[in-house]
Amino acid sequence: MRTLNIPRDLVVSKPWSRACAAAYLGDGDGQDTGYAPLHGTLTGLPPTYVQVDVSELLHTQCVDLVAALRAAGVHARFTESRGLWHVSQLQAALIAPAAAVLTEMSGFLREAIQPVSVRDLG
């Protein structure tokens, strides 16, 4: 997996990311597919939307994830923004480009989620 040669972006730094990963993983195996899905089988996953800014520390991982999803036959929509930050969608009420990305995401969800009849739920 390739990585950007930067120590941090506006929100995420490598030390903070590693500390969060270690806290999440605990005594687990970093290669476990529940922790690192790129090490597992992605076939059969539902439609997936990935949005990342080109300047984010996680950009390369997102590119690799989308490529792996598509190679596994998973419908994946991928949006790369410029000038936003990790989870910028949370500021959609304040920042027009973040609102645009959130609007795109909501369109994807409308297409991906099909209504289910109560009778079909059993």
N, C-alpha and C. Protein backbone atom coordinates (compact mmCIF):
# COMPACT_ATOMS: atom_id res chain seq x y z
N MET A 1 0.83 -1.17 0.00
CA MET A 1 0.00 0.00 0.00
C MET A 1 0.89 1.25 0.00
N ARG A 2 0.61 2.16 -0.91
CA ARG A 2 1.37 3.40 -0.99
C ARG A 2 0.82 4.39 0.05
N THR A 3 1.64 5.30 0.49
CA THR A 3 1.18 6.34 1.40
C THR A 3 1.73 7.67 0.93
N LEU A 4 1.02 8.73 1.25
CA LEU A 4 1.54 10.06 0.97
C LEU A 4 2.73 10.30 1.87
N ASN A 5 3.69 11.01 1.39
CA ASN A 5 4.89 11.29 2.17
C ASN A 5 4.68 12.58 2.97
N ILE A 6 3.65 12.57 3.81
CA ILE A 6 3.38 13.71 4.67
C ILE A 6 3.13 13.19 6.08
N PRO A 7 3.53 13.95 7.10
CA PRO A 7 3.33 13.47 8.48
C PRO A 7 1.92 13.70 9.01
N ARG A 8 1.17 14.60 8.34
CA ARG A 8 -0.16 14.93 8.83
C ARG A 8 -0.94 15.69 7.76
N ASP A 9 -2.25 15.73 7.96
CA ASP A 9 -3.07 16.64 7.18
C ASP A 9 -3.74 17.58 8.16
N LEU A 10 -4.77 18.26 7.77
CA LEU A 10 -5.41 19.24 8.65
C LEU A 10 -5.98 18.60 9.91
N VAL A 11 -6.44 17.36 9.84
CA VAL A 11 -7.12 16.70 10.96
C VAL A 11 -6.35 15.52 11.52
N VAL A 12 -5.75 14.71 10.66
CA VAL A 12 -5.13 13.44 11.06
C VAL A 12 -3.61 13.54 10.96
N SER A 13 -2.94 13.06 12.01
CA SER A 13 -1.48 12.94 11.96
C SER A 13 -1.11 11.47 12.07
N LYS A 14 0.08 11.12 11.59
CA LYS A 14 0.51 9.72 11.68
C LYS A 14 0.58 9.25 13.13
N PRO A 15 1.18 10.01 14.06
CA PRO A 15 1.22 9.52 15.45
C PRO A 15 -0.19 9.34 16.04
N TRP A 16 -1.09 10.28 15.80
CA TRP A 16 -2.45 10.17 16.32
C TRP A 16 -3.16 8.97 15.69
N SER A 17 -2.98 8.78 14.39
CA SER A 17 -3.60 7.66 13.69
C SER A 17 -3.09 6.33 14.24
N ARG A 18 -1.80 6.24 14.46
CA ARG A 18 -1.22 5.00 15.01
C ARG A 18 -1.71 4.75 16.44
N ALA A 19 -1.82 5.80 17.24
CA ALA A 19 -2.32 5.65 18.61
C ALA A 19 -3.77 5.18 18.62
N CYS A 20 -4.58 5.75 17.74
CA CYS A 20 -5.98 5.32 17.64
C CYS A 20 -6.08 3.88 17.17
N ALA A 21 -5.26 3.51 16.19
CA ALA A 21 -5.27 2.14 15.68
C ALA A 21 -4.87 1.16 16.78
N ALA A 22 -3.84 1.50 17.56
CA ALA A 22 -3.39 0.62 18.64
C ALA A 22 -4.46 0.49 19.72
N ALA A 23 -5.12 1.59 20.05
CA ALA A 23 -6.18 1.54 21.05
C ALA A 23 -7.36 0.69 20.56
N TYR A 24 -7.70 0.82 19.30
CA TYR A 24 -8.80 0.05 18.71
C TYR A 24 -8.44 -1.43 18.63
N LEU A 25 -7.25 -1.72 18.20
CA LEU A 25 -6.82 -3.10 17.97
C LEU A 25 -6.55 -3.85 19.27
N GLY A 26 -6.01 -3.18 20.28
CA GLY A 26 -5.68 -3.86 21.53
C GLY A 26 -4.67 -4.97 21.28
N ASP A 27 -5.00 -6.18 21.71
CA ASP A 27 -4.11 -7.33 21.52
C ASP A 27 -4.37 -8.05 20.21
N GLY A 28 -5.25 -7.49 19.37
CA GLY A 28 -5.61 -8.14 18.11
C GLY A 28 -4.49 -8.10 17.08
N ASP A 29 -4.73 -8.80 16.00
CA ASP A 29 -3.78 -8.90 14.89
C ASP A 29 -4.07 -7.81 13.87
N GLY A 30 -3.10 -6.98 13.56
CA GLY A 30 -3.27 -5.90 12.60
C GLY A 30 -3.56 -6.37 11.19
N GLN A 31 -3.35 -7.65 10.91
CA GLN A 31 -3.65 -8.21 9.59
C GLN A 31 -5.04 -8.82 9.53
N ASP A 32 -5.74 -8.87 10.67
CA ASP A 32 -7.08 -9.45 10.73
C ASP A 32 -8.01 -8.65 9.81
N THR A 33 -8.81 -9.36 9.03
CA THR A 33 -9.68 -8.70 8.05
C THR A 33 -10.77 -7.85 8.71
N GLY A 34 -11.11 -8.13 9.95
CA GLY A 34 -12.07 -7.28 10.66
C GLY A 34 -11.50 -5.92 10.97
N TYR A 35 -10.19 -5.86 11.05
CA TYR A 35 -9.49 -4.61 11.32
C TYR A 35 -8.97 -3.98 10.03
N ALA A 36 -8.49 -4.81 9.14
CA ALA A 36 -7.88 -4.34 7.89
C ALA A 36 -8.58 -5.00 6.71
N PRO A 37 -9.71 -4.46 6.28
CA PRO A 37 -10.51 -5.11 5.24
C PRO A 37 -9.77 -5.36 3.93
N LEU A 38 -8.74 -4.58 3.64
CA LEU A 38 -8.00 -4.80 2.40
C LEU A 38 -7.27 -6.14 2.39
N HIS A 39 -7.13 -6.76 3.56
CA HIS A 39 -6.50 -8.07 3.64
C HIS A 39 -7.51 -9.20 3.46
N GLY A 40 -8.77 -8.86 3.33
CA GLY A 40 -9.81 -9.88 3.25
C GLY A 40 -10.50 -9.92 1.90
N THR A 41 -11.56 -10.70 1.85
CA THR A 41 -12.38 -10.83 0.66
C THR A 41 -13.44 -9.75 0.68
N LEU A 42 -13.50 -8.97 -0.36
CA LEU A 42 -14.46 -7.87 -0.43
C LEU A 42 -15.69 -8.22 -1.27
N THR A 43 -15.64 -9.36 -1.93
CA THR A 43 -16.75 -9.79 -2.78
C THR A 43 -18.02 -9.87 -1.95
N GLY A 44 -19.11 -9.35 -2.53
CA GLY A 44 -20.40 -9.44 -1.87
C GLY A 44 -20.74 -8.27 -0.98
N LEU A 45 -19.82 -7.33 -0.83
CA LEU A 45 -20.14 -6.16 -0.02
C LEU A 45 -21.18 -5.29 -0.74
N PRO A 46 -21.94 -4.50 0.01
CA PRO A 46 -22.95 -3.65 -0.61
C PRO A 46 -22.30 -2.48 -1.35
N PRO A 47 -23.08 -1.77 -2.15
CA PRO A 47 -22.55 -0.57 -2.81
C PRO A 47 -21.88 0.34 -1.76
N THR A 48 -20.75 0.91 -2.15
CA THR A 48 -19.93 1.66 -1.21
C THR A 48 -19.58 3.02 -1.79
N TYR A 49 -19.67 4.04 -0.96
CA TYR A 49 -19.31 5.40 -1.35
C TYR A 49 -18.08 5.80 -0.55
N VAL A 50 -17.04 6.27 -1.23
CA VAL A 50 -15.83 6.73 -0.57
C VAL A 50 -15.54 8.15 -1.07
N GLN A 51 -15.36 9.06 -0.13
CA GLN A 51 -15.01 10.42 -0.46
C GLN A 51 -13.78 10.79 0.35
N VAL A 52 -12.78 11.35 -0.32
CA VAL A 52 -11.54 11.74 0.35
C VAL A 52 -10.96 12.95 -0.37
N ASP A 53 -10.28 13.78 0.36
CA ASP A 53 -9.59 14.90 -0.26
C ASP A 53 -8.21 14.44 -0.71
N VAL A 54 -7.73 15.01 -1.79
CA VAL A 54 -6.42 14.61 -2.33
C VAL A 54 -5.28 14.93 -1.37
N SER A 55 -5.51 15.83 -0.41
CA SER A 55 -4.45 16.20 0.54
C SER A 55 -4.54 15.43 1.85
N GLU A 56 -5.50 14.52 1.97
CA GLU A 56 -5.65 13.78 3.22
C GLU A 56 -4.58 12.70 3.37
N LEU A 57 -4.17 12.48 4.58
CA LEU A 57 -3.21 11.43 4.90
C LEU A 57 -3.75 10.07 4.46
N LEU A 58 -5.05 9.88 4.52
CA LEU A 58 -5.68 8.60 4.18
C LEU A 58 -6.03 8.46 2.69
N HIS A 59 -5.65 9.42 1.88
CA HIS A 59 -6.01 9.41 0.46
C HIS A 59 -5.59 8.12 -0.23
N THR A 60 -4.35 7.75 -0.10
CA THR A 60 -3.84 6.56 -0.80
C THR A 60 -4.58 5.31 -0.36
N GLN A 61 -4.85 5.18 0.94
CA GLN A 61 -5.61 4.03 1.42
C GLN A 61 -7.00 3.98 0.81
N CYS A 62 -7.61 5.15 0.65
CA CYS A 62 -8.94 5.20 0.03
C CYS A 62 -8.88 4.79 -1.44
N VAL A 63 -7.87 5.26 -2.15
CA VAL A 63 -7.68 4.87 -3.56
C VAL A 63 -7.52 3.35 -3.65
N ASP A 64 -6.69 2.79 -2.79
CA ASP A 64 -6.47 1.33 -2.79
C ASP A 64 -7.74 0.57 -2.44
N LEU A 65 -8.51 1.07 -1.47
CA LEU A 65 -9.76 0.42 -1.09
C LEU A 65 -10.74 0.40 -2.24
N VAL A 66 -10.91 1.53 -2.91
CA VAL A 66 -11.85 1.60 -4.03
C VAL A 66 -11.41 0.66 -5.16
N ALA A 67 -10.12 0.60 -5.44
CA ALA A 67 -9.62 -0.31 -6.48
C ALA A 67 -9.91 -1.76 -6.10
N ALA A 68 -9.69 -2.11 -4.84
CA ALA A 68 -9.95 -3.48 -4.39
C ALA A 68 -11.44 -3.80 -4.42
N LEU A 69 -12.28 -2.84 -4.02
CA LEU A 69 -13.73 -3.05 -4.08
C LEU A 69 -14.17 -3.30 -5.51
N ARG A 70 -13.71 -2.47 -6.41
CA ARG A 70 -14.10 -2.63 -7.82
C ARG A 70 -13.58 -3.94 -8.39
N ALA A 71 -12.37 -4.32 -8.03
CA ALA A 71 -11.81 -5.60 -8.50
C ALA A 71 -12.63 -6.78 -7.98
N ALA A 72 -13.27 -6.60 -6.83
CA ALA A 72 -14.10 -7.66 -6.23
C ALA A 72 -15.53 -7.61 -6.75
N GLY A 73 -15.81 -6.70 -7.68
CA GLY A 73 -17.14 -6.60 -8.26
C GLY A 73 -18.12 -5.79 -7.44
N VAL A 74 -17.62 -5.03 -6.48
CA VAL A 74 -18.48 -4.20 -5.64
C VAL A 74 -18.67 -2.85 -6.33
N HIS A 75 -19.92 -2.40 -6.39
CA HIS A 75 -20.19 -1.07 -6.94
C HIS A 75 -19.63 -0.04 -5.96
N ALA A 76 -18.66 0.74 -6.40
CA ALA A 76 -18.05 1.74 -5.54
C ALA A 76 -18.02 3.08 -6.26
N ARG A 77 -18.55 4.08 -5.60
CA ARG A 77 -18.46 5.45 -6.12
C ARG A 77 -17.38 6.16 -5.33
N PHE A 78 -16.50 6.84 -6.06
CA PHE A 78 -15.32 7.46 -5.45
C PHE A 78 -15.27 8.92 -5.85
N THR A 79 -15.19 9.78 -4.84
CA THR A 79 -15.09 11.22 -5.06
C THR A 79 -13.83 11.74 -4.40
N GLU A 80 -13.00 12.43 -5.17
CA GLU A 80 -11.83 13.10 -4.63
C GLU A 80 -12.11 14.60 -4.65
N SER A 81 -12.01 15.22 -3.49
CA SER A 81 -12.20 16.66 -3.41
C SER A 81 -10.84 17.35 -3.32
N ARG A 82 -10.88 18.65 -3.44
CA ARG A 82 -9.67 19.47 -3.28
C ARG A 82 -10.02 20.62 -2.33
N GLY A 83 -9.26 20.71 -1.25
CA GLY A 83 -9.45 21.80 -0.31
C GLY A 83 -10.35 21.46 0.88
N LEU A 84 -10.78 20.21 0.99
CA LEU A 84 -11.58 19.81 2.15
C LEU A 84 -10.68 19.03 3.12
N TRP A 85 -11.23 18.49 4.15
CA TRP A 85 -10.48 17.80 5.19
C TRP A 85 -11.27 16.59 5.64
N HIS A 86 -10.63 15.76 6.43
CA HIS A 86 -11.25 14.54 6.94
C HIS A 86 -12.56 14.88 7.65
N VAL A 87 -13.60 14.20 7.30
CA VAL A 87 -14.97 14.38 7.80
C VAL A 87 -15.47 15.83 7.67
N SER A 88 -15.09 16.48 6.61
CA SER A 88 -15.55 17.85 6.36
C SER A 88 -17.07 17.91 6.19
N GLN A 89 -17.69 16.77 5.87
CA GLN A 89 -19.14 16.73 5.71
C GLN A 89 -19.85 17.19 6.98
N LEU A 90 -19.20 17.08 8.12
CA LEU A 90 -19.81 17.54 9.37
C LEU A 90 -20.01 19.05 9.39
N GLN A 91 -19.30 19.76 8.55
CA GLN A 91 -19.44 21.22 8.47
C GLN A 91 -20.24 21.64 7.23
N ALA A 92 -21.06 20.74 6.71
CA ALA A 92 -21.81 21.02 5.48
C ALA A 92 -22.71 22.24 5.60
N ALA A 93 -23.19 22.54 6.79
CA ALA A 93 -24.05 23.72 6.97
C ALA A 93 -23.26 25.02 6.86
N LEU A 94 -21.93 24.92 6.95
CA LEU A 94 -21.09 26.12 6.94
C LEU A 94 -20.22 26.26 5.70
N ILE A 95 -19.89 25.15 5.05
CA ILE A 95 -18.92 25.14 3.95
C ILE A 95 -19.58 24.57 2.70
N ALA A 96 -19.75 25.39 1.67
CA ALA A 96 -20.45 24.95 0.46
C ALA A 96 -19.84 23.70 -0.19
N PRO A 97 -18.51 23.59 -0.35
CA PRO A 97 -17.98 22.36 -0.95
C PRO A 97 -18.27 21.10 -0.12
N ALA A 98 -18.30 21.24 1.21
CA ALA A 98 -18.65 20.10 2.06
C ALA A 98 -20.12 19.75 1.87
N ALA A 99 -20.96 20.74 1.70
CA ALA A 99 -22.38 20.50 1.44
C ALA A 99 -22.56 19.79 0.10
N ALA A 100 -21.78 20.16 -0.90
CA ALA A 100 -21.87 19.51 -2.21
C ALA A 100 -21.50 18.04 -2.12
N VAL A 101 -20.46 17.73 -1.37
CA VAL A 101 -20.05 16.33 -1.20
C VAL A 101 -21.14 15.56 -0.44
N LEU A 102 -21.72 16.18 0.57
CA LEU A 102 -22.79 15.54 1.33
C LEU A 102 -24.02 15.30 0.45
N THR A 103 -24.31 16.23 -0.43
CA THR A 103 -25.42 16.06 -1.37
C THR A 103 -25.14 14.89 -2.30
N GLU A 104 -23.91 14.77 -2.78
CA GLU A 104 -23.55 13.64 -3.64
C GLU A 104 -23.71 12.33 -2.87
N MET A 105 -23.26 12.32 -1.61
CA MET A 105 -23.37 11.12 -0.79
C MET A 105 -24.85 10.74 -0.59
N SER A 106 -25.69 11.72 -0.35
CA SER A 106 -27.11 11.42 -0.15
C SER A 106 -27.74 10.88 -1.43
N GLY A 107 -27.31 11.37 -2.58
CA GLY A 107 -27.79 10.82 -3.85
C GLY A 107 -27.38 9.37 -4.02
N PHE A 108 -26.15 9.08 -3.65
CA PHE A 108 -25.68 7.70 -3.72
C PHE A 108 -26.53 6.80 -2.82
N LEU A 109 -26.80 7.26 -1.61
CA LEU A 109 -27.61 6.46 -0.68
C LEU A 109 -29.02 6.24 -1.20
N ARG A 110 -29.61 7.28 -1.81
CA ARG A 110 -30.96 7.12 -2.39
C ARG A 110 -30.96 6.03 -3.46
N GLU A 111 -29.90 6.00 -4.28
CA GLU A 111 -29.81 4.98 -5.32
C GLU A 111 -29.52 3.59 -4.75
N ALA A 112 -28.68 3.53 -3.72
CA ALA A 112 -28.21 2.25 -3.21
C ALA A 112 -29.21 1.56 -2.28
N ILE A 113 -30.00 2.34 -1.57
CA ILE A 113 -30.94 1.75 -0.62
C ILE A 113 -32.30 1.66 -1.27
N GLN A 114 -32.76 0.43 -1.40
CA GLN A 114 -34.06 0.19 -2.01
C GLN A 114 -35.10 -0.01 -0.91
N PRO A 115 -36.29 0.56 -1.08
CA PRO A 115 -37.34 0.36 -0.07
C PRO A 115 -37.70 -1.13 0.05
N VAL A 116 -38.01 -1.53 1.26
CA VAL A 116 -38.40 -2.91 1.52
C VAL A 116 -39.81 -2.91 2.11
N SER A 117 -40.64 -3.77 1.63
CA SER A 117 -41.98 -3.91 2.15
C SER A 117 -41.91 -4.56 3.53
N VAL A 118 -42.78 -4.12 4.43
CA VAL A 118 -42.84 -4.72 5.76
C VAL A 118 -43.12 -6.21 5.65
N ARG A 119 -43.89 -6.63 4.68
CA ARG A 119 -44.20 -8.05 4.48
C ARG A 119 -42.93 -8.85 4.18
N ASP A 120 -41.95 -8.22 3.53
CA ASP A 120 -40.71 -8.92 3.19
C ASP A 120 -39.79 -9.11 4.38
N LEU A 121 -40.05 -8.42 5.47
CA LEU A 121 -39.19 -8.52 6.64
C LEU A 121 -39.48 -9.76 7.49
N GLY A 122 -40.59 -10.42 7.22
CA GLY A 122 -40.90 -11.67 7.92
C GLY A 122 -41.75 -11.42 9.07
